[in-house]
Amino acid sequence: MTLFADWRAFQRPKIVNGVPDYSVPAMAAQYAALSGYRARLAAIDPAGWPIPQQVDYQIVRAEMNGLEFDHRVRRPWATNPAFYVTIFPEESDQPAREGPFTEGGVELWSYTFPLSAKDADAVSTGVGGVAGLLAQARTNLTGNGKDLWVFGARAMRQQSADLKALASRLTPDQSALAQDVDRARNATDEFAAWLESQAASKTGPSGVGVENYNWYLQHVMLLPYTWRDLVTLMERELARADSSLAIEETKNAALPPQLPVGSVDEHGRRFNAAVTEYMAFLRERQIMTITNDMDPAMRARIGGFAAGPLEFFTQVDYRDPEVMRTHGYHWFDKARMAHNPHPSAIRRGPLLYNIFITRTEGHATGWEEMMMQAGMFDARPRTRELIYILIAQRAARALGDLRMHGENLPLEDAAAFTAANVPRGWLSLQGNLVRFEQHLYLQQPGYGISYLTGKIEVEKLLGERKRQLGDRFTLKQFMDEFNDAGLIPTSLLRWELTGEKPPEITRLLAQP
């Protein structure tokens, strides 16, 4: 436990004059000191420990590998302008915000407006550091990846808009905070303009390459696949989704079309009914243990009605609101983390480098199809079409991820490929989502593939437990064990739940 606490403190940058220090000397010093922490971990032999504690050991090792990768390959502080975005109006559905970001982000969604004096001071502290951080970023950023610069500038323009929206929510007596927000917005606008002026001179690729991608998959995400394996898997999932959709559409040809929600009243009625029906289904079918915080966690994320044009997930959501409630398993995860934290301090909070995503994104994606197979949509056959459209979208964008990193495919081309391979034209290049997602995947190797790869790994685990337990297997028992293990990589879940060490962990232990 001492090593874990020391490691987490070491991983964070030092704060100098209220700003995290990502300067060349600071990062060089951190990288030089990393070997000492890895040596401390390697000096510990966990072989005789209970499996859950061995799993914790591997979590820490994977995190250290993540920092190694950041210094050796990714270097977001030097290559990725969007790393310096620090204003976040909306809550992430993940345990920690997706992608690499600097320390000290301002999570505006976590405050109640109008701000109390205490909260105004907290927001002021965060916003007040923006100008200093962006001044440092101009010196730190030396990368040549064109897409990261172009889309980093766009991310900064969005931060400016978010600061403008924040200013409009302040009360007249919060003039000091308003001035801080104004200074932060001016600094953001100037930084975005500087990025745009520099982007024209950037000529290099932004991906990490196949060899580095493979290292990240196996040493940080702890996945038993290579880049080439995943291309094959994602192509197979895209073909499966397309063919299954064609069959469903043929079967349902005589049925009326599913029309999207069309009004505020219909939205409120149908979305609340979807949560009620979903929770009742889980309870009545004995699929998992239901706790008191699950319904409110799901219902709080219903949101409001938005008139068109509809982005991809709204196209699905507005046709059958229950579908994306299944993917909203994320909110169950976050409620459990908040109200029933894991007994292990290592798993109590979010793991670093998004290494939880094969569990969180993978399971939420797999849960959509699992609930379809469990009968949730039997009364609405056309909803099966939506499930296969979702799978196609995840496969297409995963192939975009893989090709950007492995083949130097430009982000615009990855977005065009993804949009072209999503059925019904629902992922339009006229919207913002397709480029936003590909930009995330370019910044965070392995994120785009995590949805379906994690789904495959969770399905593998479920099948293994069924074979182990035979007639004693129940889905409820499986899901309770699954949830109790926490938000950790799927390979470590398999080890803990089956008692059998996965080959990817065995290979990792054999390597220096």
Foldseek 3Di string as FASTA:
>chain_A
DVLVVVVVVLVAADADPLEGDPAPVRLVVSLVCLVVSVVVLVVDDCVPPPLLVVLLSLLVQLLSVVSVCCSPFQVCLAAALLLDQAEAADDDLALDDFFHHHPQHDHNVVADPPGDPVVLVVVLSSLLCQLVHLVSSVNRHDHQALQRLVVSLVSLVVSLVVLVVVLVRYDPVSVVSNVSSVVNSVSSVVSSVVSVVCSVVRDDALARAQVSLQCSCQRNLVDPDGLVRLLVVLVVLLVVLVVVLVVLCVVCVPPDDQDFDDDQVSLVVQLLVLLVLVVCVCVVVLQADDDPVPSVLLVVPSDTDDDDPDAQVSVLCRRHVNLVSLLSVSSVQVVCLVPPAAPDPSQSGDRPLPSLLLVNLQNSLLSSVVVVVVPSCVVPSCNVSVNSLVSNLLSLLLVLLSCSRHVVDRLVVSLVSSQVSRPPSNNPPVDDPSSVSSSSSSRRPPNSSSHNSSNVLVVVLLVLVCVVQPPNDDSHVVVVLSSNSHRHNSQSSSCNVNVDRDVSVVVNVVDD
